[in-house]
C-alpha atoms as a PDB file:
ATOM      1  CA  MET A   1       0.213 -14.786 -14.556  1.00  0.00           C
ATOM      2  CA  PRO A   2       1.228 -12.109 -12.075  1.00  0.00           C
ATOM      3  CA  LYS A   3       1.200 -13.257  -8.477  1.00  0.00           C
ATOM      4  CA  THR A   4       0.355 -10.272  -6.317  1.00  0.00           C
ATOM      5  CA  LEU A   5      -2.731  -8.109  -6.618  1.00  0.00           C
ATOM      6  CA  GLN A   6      -0.584  -5.123  -7.557  1.00  0.00           C
ATOM      7  CA  GLU A   7       1.102  -7.120 -10.349  1.00  0.00           C
ATOM      8  CA  GLN A   8      -2.303  -8.249 -11.613  1.00  0.00           C
ATOM      9  CA  LEU A   9      -3.561  -4.668 -11.548  1.00  0.00           C
ATOM     10  CA  ASP A  10      -0.484  -3.429 -13.422  1.00  0.00           C
ATOM     11  CA  HIS A  11      -0.985  -6.157 -16.042  1.00  0.00           C
ATOM     12  CA  VAL A  12      -4.657  -5.272 -16.538  1.00  0.00           C
ATOM     13  CA  GLU A  13      -3.851  -1.564 -16.794  1.00  0.00           C
ATOM     14  CA  ARG A  14      -1.242  -2.292 -19.491  1.00  0.00           C
ATOM     15  CA  GLU A  15      -3.844  -4.317 -21.404  1.00  0.00           C
ATOM     16  CA  ILE A  16      -6.332  -1.454 -21.129  1.00  0.00           C
ATOM     17  CA  GLU A  17      -3.740   0.976 -22.497  1.00  0.00           C
ATOM     18  CA  GLN A  18      -3.031  -1.368 -25.421  1.00  0.00           C
ATOM     19  CA  TYR A  19      -6.710  -1.721 -26.296  1.00  0.00           C
ATOM     20  CA  ILE A  20      -7.226   2.051 -26.102  1.00  0.00           C
ATOM     21  CA  GLU A  21      -4.215   2.677 -28.365  1.00  0.00           C
ATOM     22  CA  PHE A  22      -5.472   0.036 -30.806  1.00  0.00           C
ATOM     23  CA  ASP A  23      -8.915   1.644 -30.774  1.00  0.00           C
ATOM     24  CA  LYS A  24      -7.457   5.067 -31.560  1.00  0.00           C
ATOM     25  CA  ALA A  25      -5.391   3.635 -34.411  1.00  0.00           C
ATOM     26  CA  GLU A  26      -8.407   1.817 -35.830  1.00  0.00           C
ATOM     27  CA  LYS A  27     -10.573   4.939 -35.734  1.00  0.00           C
ATOM     28  CA  THR A  28      -7.841   6.897 -37.486  1.00  0.00           C
ATOM     29  CA  ARG A  29      -7.604   4.152 -40.111  1.00  0.00           C
ATOM     30  CA  PHE A  30     -11.388   4.171 -40.511  1.00  0.00           C
ATOM     31  CA  ASN A  31     -11.408   7.940 -41.067  1.00  0.00           C
ATOM     32  CA  ARG A  32      -8.578   7.636 -43.569  1.00  0.00           C
ATOM     33  CA  GLU A  33      -9.653   4.538 -45.529  1.00  0.00           C
ATOM     34  CA  SER A  34     -13.322   3.762 -44.992  1.00  0.00           C
ATOM     35  CA  HIS A  35     -14.443   5.443 -48.204  1.00  0.00           C
ATOM     36  CA  LEU A  36     -12.560   2.660 -50.042  1.00  0.00           C
ATOM     37  CA  TRP A  37     -14.070  -0.214 -48.072  1.00  0.00           C
ATOM     38  CA  THR A  38     -16.783  -2.565 -49.134  1.00  0.00           C
ATOM     39  CA  ALA A  39     -19.914  -2.987 -47.056  1.00  0.00           C
ATOM     40  CA  GLN A  40     -18.479  -6.266 -45.753  1.00  0.00           C
ATOM     41  CA  ASP A  41     -15.270  -4.502 -44.681  1.00  0.00           C
ATOM     42  CA  ARG A  42     -17.312  -1.976 -42.712  1.00  0.00           C
ATOM     43  CA  ILE A  43     -19.386  -4.668 -41.051  1.00  0.00           C
ATOM     44  CA  GLU A  44     -16.243  -6.543 -40.016  1.00  0.00           C
ATOM     45  CA  TRP A  45     -14.716  -3.310 -38.697  1.00  0.00           C
ATOM     46  CA  GLN A  46     -17.849  -2.608 -36.648  1.00  0.00           C
ATOM     47  CA  GLU A  47     -17.819  -6.139 -35.237  1.00  0.00           C
ATOM     48  CA  THR A  48     -14.178  -5.735 -34.253  1.00  0.00           C
ATOM     49  CA  GLN A  49     -14.962  -2.386 -32.608  1.00  0.00           C
ATOM     50  CA  SER A  50     -17.839  -3.957 -30.718  1.00  0.00           C
ATOM     51  CA  ASP A  51     -15.643  -6.849 -29.522  1.00  0.00           C
ATOM     52  CA  ASN A  52     -12.916  -4.458 -28.431  1.00  0.00           C
ATOM     53  CA  ALA A  53     -15.414  -2.300 -26.539  1.00  0.00           C
ATOM     54  CA  GLN A  54     -16.723  -5.386 -24.731  1.00  0.00           C
ATOM     55  CA  THR A  55     -13.191  -6.464 -23.847  1.00  0.00           C
ATOM     56  CA  LEU A  56     -12.435  -2.988 -22.511  1.00  0.00           C
ATOM     57  CA  ARG A  57     -15.580  -3.040 -20.352  1.00  0.00           C
ATOM     58  CA  GLU A  58     -14.503  -6.396 -18.918  1.00  0.00           C
ATOM     59  CA  LEU A  59     -10.985  -5.126 -18.267  1.00  0.00           C
ATOM     60  CA  PHE A  60     -12.376  -2.047 -16.510  1.00  0.00           C
ATOM     61  CA  GLU A  61     -14.483  -4.317 -14.281  1.00  0.00           C
ATOM     62  CA  ILE A  62     -11.451  -6.472 -13.463  1.00  0.00           C
ATOM     63  CA  ARG A  63      -9.390  -3.345 -12.737  1.00  0.00           C
ATOM     64  CA  ASP A  64     -12.079  -1.978 -10.426  1.00  0.00           C
ATOM     65  CA  ALA A  65     -12.320  -5.304  -8.584  1.00  0.00           C
ATOM     66  CA  LEU A  66      -8.536  -5.473  -8.138  1.00  0.00           C
ATOM     67  CA  ARG A  67      -8.445  -1.892  -6.916  1.00  0.00           C
ATOM     68  CA  GLY A  68     -11.172  -2.752  -4.418  1.00  0.00           C
ATOM     69  CA  GLN A  69      -9.237  -5.770  -3.184  1.00  0.00           C
ATOM     70  CA  LEU A  70      -6.061  -3.722  -2.864  1.00  0.00           C
ATOM     71  CA  GLY A  71      -7.973  -1.054  -0.963  1.00  0.00           C
ATOM     72  CA  GLN A  72      -9.376  -3.652   1.414  1.00  0.00           C
ATOM     73  CA  GLN A  73      -5.925  -5.104   2.000  1.00  0.00           C
ATOM     74  CA  SER A  74      -4.470  -1.694   2.645  1.00  0.00           C
ATOM     75  CA  ARG A  75      -7.342  -0.775   5.006  1.00  0.00           C
ATOM     76  CA  SER A  76      -6.865  -4.108   6.819  1.00  0.00           C
ATOM     77  CA  ARG A  77      -3.155  -3.483   7.173  1.00  0.00           C
ATOM     78  CA  SER A  78      -3.768   0.053   8.405  1.00  0.00           C
ATOM     79  CA  LEU A  79      -6.359  -1.182  10.885  1.00  0.00           C
ATOM     80  CA  ARG A  80      -4.047  -3.919  12.180  1.00  0.00           C
ATOM     81  CA  GLN A  81      -1.198  -1.420  12.445  1.00  0.00           C
ATOM     82  CA  ALA A  82      -3.396   1.069  14.310  1.00  0.00           C
ATOM     83  CA  GLU A  83      -4.592  -1.657  16.693  1.00  0.00           C
ATOM     84  CA  THR A  84      -1.012  -2.731  17.333  1.00  0.00           C
ATOM     85  CA  GLU A  85       0.037   0.855  17.993  1.00  0.00           C
ATOM     86  CA  GLN A  86      -2.914   1.361  20.351  1.00  0.00           C
ATOM     87  CA  GLU A  87      -2.059  -1.819  22.249  1.00  0.00           C
ATOM     88  CA  LYS A  88       1.560  -0.730  22.489  1.00  0.00           C
ATOM     89  CA  ALA A  89       0.567   2.745  23.691  1.00  0.00           C
ATOM     90  CA  LEU A  90      -1.817   1.229  26.244  1.00  0.00           C
ATOM     91  CA  THR A  91       0.859  -1.162  27.471  1.00  0.00           C
ATOM     92  CA  GLU A  92       3.365   1.658  27.709  1.00  0.00           C
ATOM     93  CA  SER A  93       0.959   3.912  29.600  1.00  0.00           C
ATOM     94  CA  THR A  94       0.102   1.240  32.165  1.00  0.00           C
ATOM     95  CA  LYS A  95       3.681   0.374  32.998  1.00  0.00           C
ATOM     96  CA  THR A  96       5.097   3.640  34.193  1.00  0.00           C
ATOM     97  CA  PRO A  97       7.592   2.817  36.922  1.00  0.00           C
ATOM     98  CA  ASP A  98       8.150   6.489  37.754  1.00  0.00           C
ATOM     99  CA  ALA A  99       4.506   7.126  38.517  1.00  0.00           C
ATOM    100  CA  ARG A 100       3.900   8.583  41.938  1.00  0.00           C
ATOM    101  CA  PRO A 101       0.751   7.833  43.831  1.00  0.00           C
ATOM    102  CA  CYS A 102      -1.722  10.624  43.961  1.00  0.00           C
ATOM    103  CA  SER A 103      -1.564  12.564  47.236  1.00  0.00           C
ATOM    104  CA  ARG A 104      -5.191  13.626  47.061  1.00  0.00           C
ATOM    105  CA  GLN A 105      -7.665  11.518  48.903  1.00  0.00           C
ATOM    106  CA  PRO A 106     -10.952  10.673  47.242  1.00  0.00           C
ATOM    107  CA  ARG A 107     -13.938  12.527  48.719  1.00  0.00           C
END
C-alpha cells in the first residue's frame, strides 16, 4: 500500500482510470454483442455494471477525501511557513543596529 497521501491518491486515480476504461470497453461490447445474449447474460452484465458503478462511486469518495487531506496538509504547511516568515521579519525589524533615535520630541 502506498505510504504518503500523494502516493495513495495516485493509486486511487489509476484505479479510477482502469474502471472507466473497463466500463467503456464493456459498453462497446454490449452494443456490439448484446443482440446475441440470453436474458441471463444481460442480467449478469447489468449486475456487473452496477457493481462497477458502485466501486467507482467509492473510489471517487476516497479520492475526494485524500484530496481534502492533501489540501489541509498543504494549507498547514503554508500557514506554518507564513508564521515563520512573519516571526523572522518581526525579529529582523526589531533588531536594527543602525537605527537612529528619533530627534522629534513627543508633544
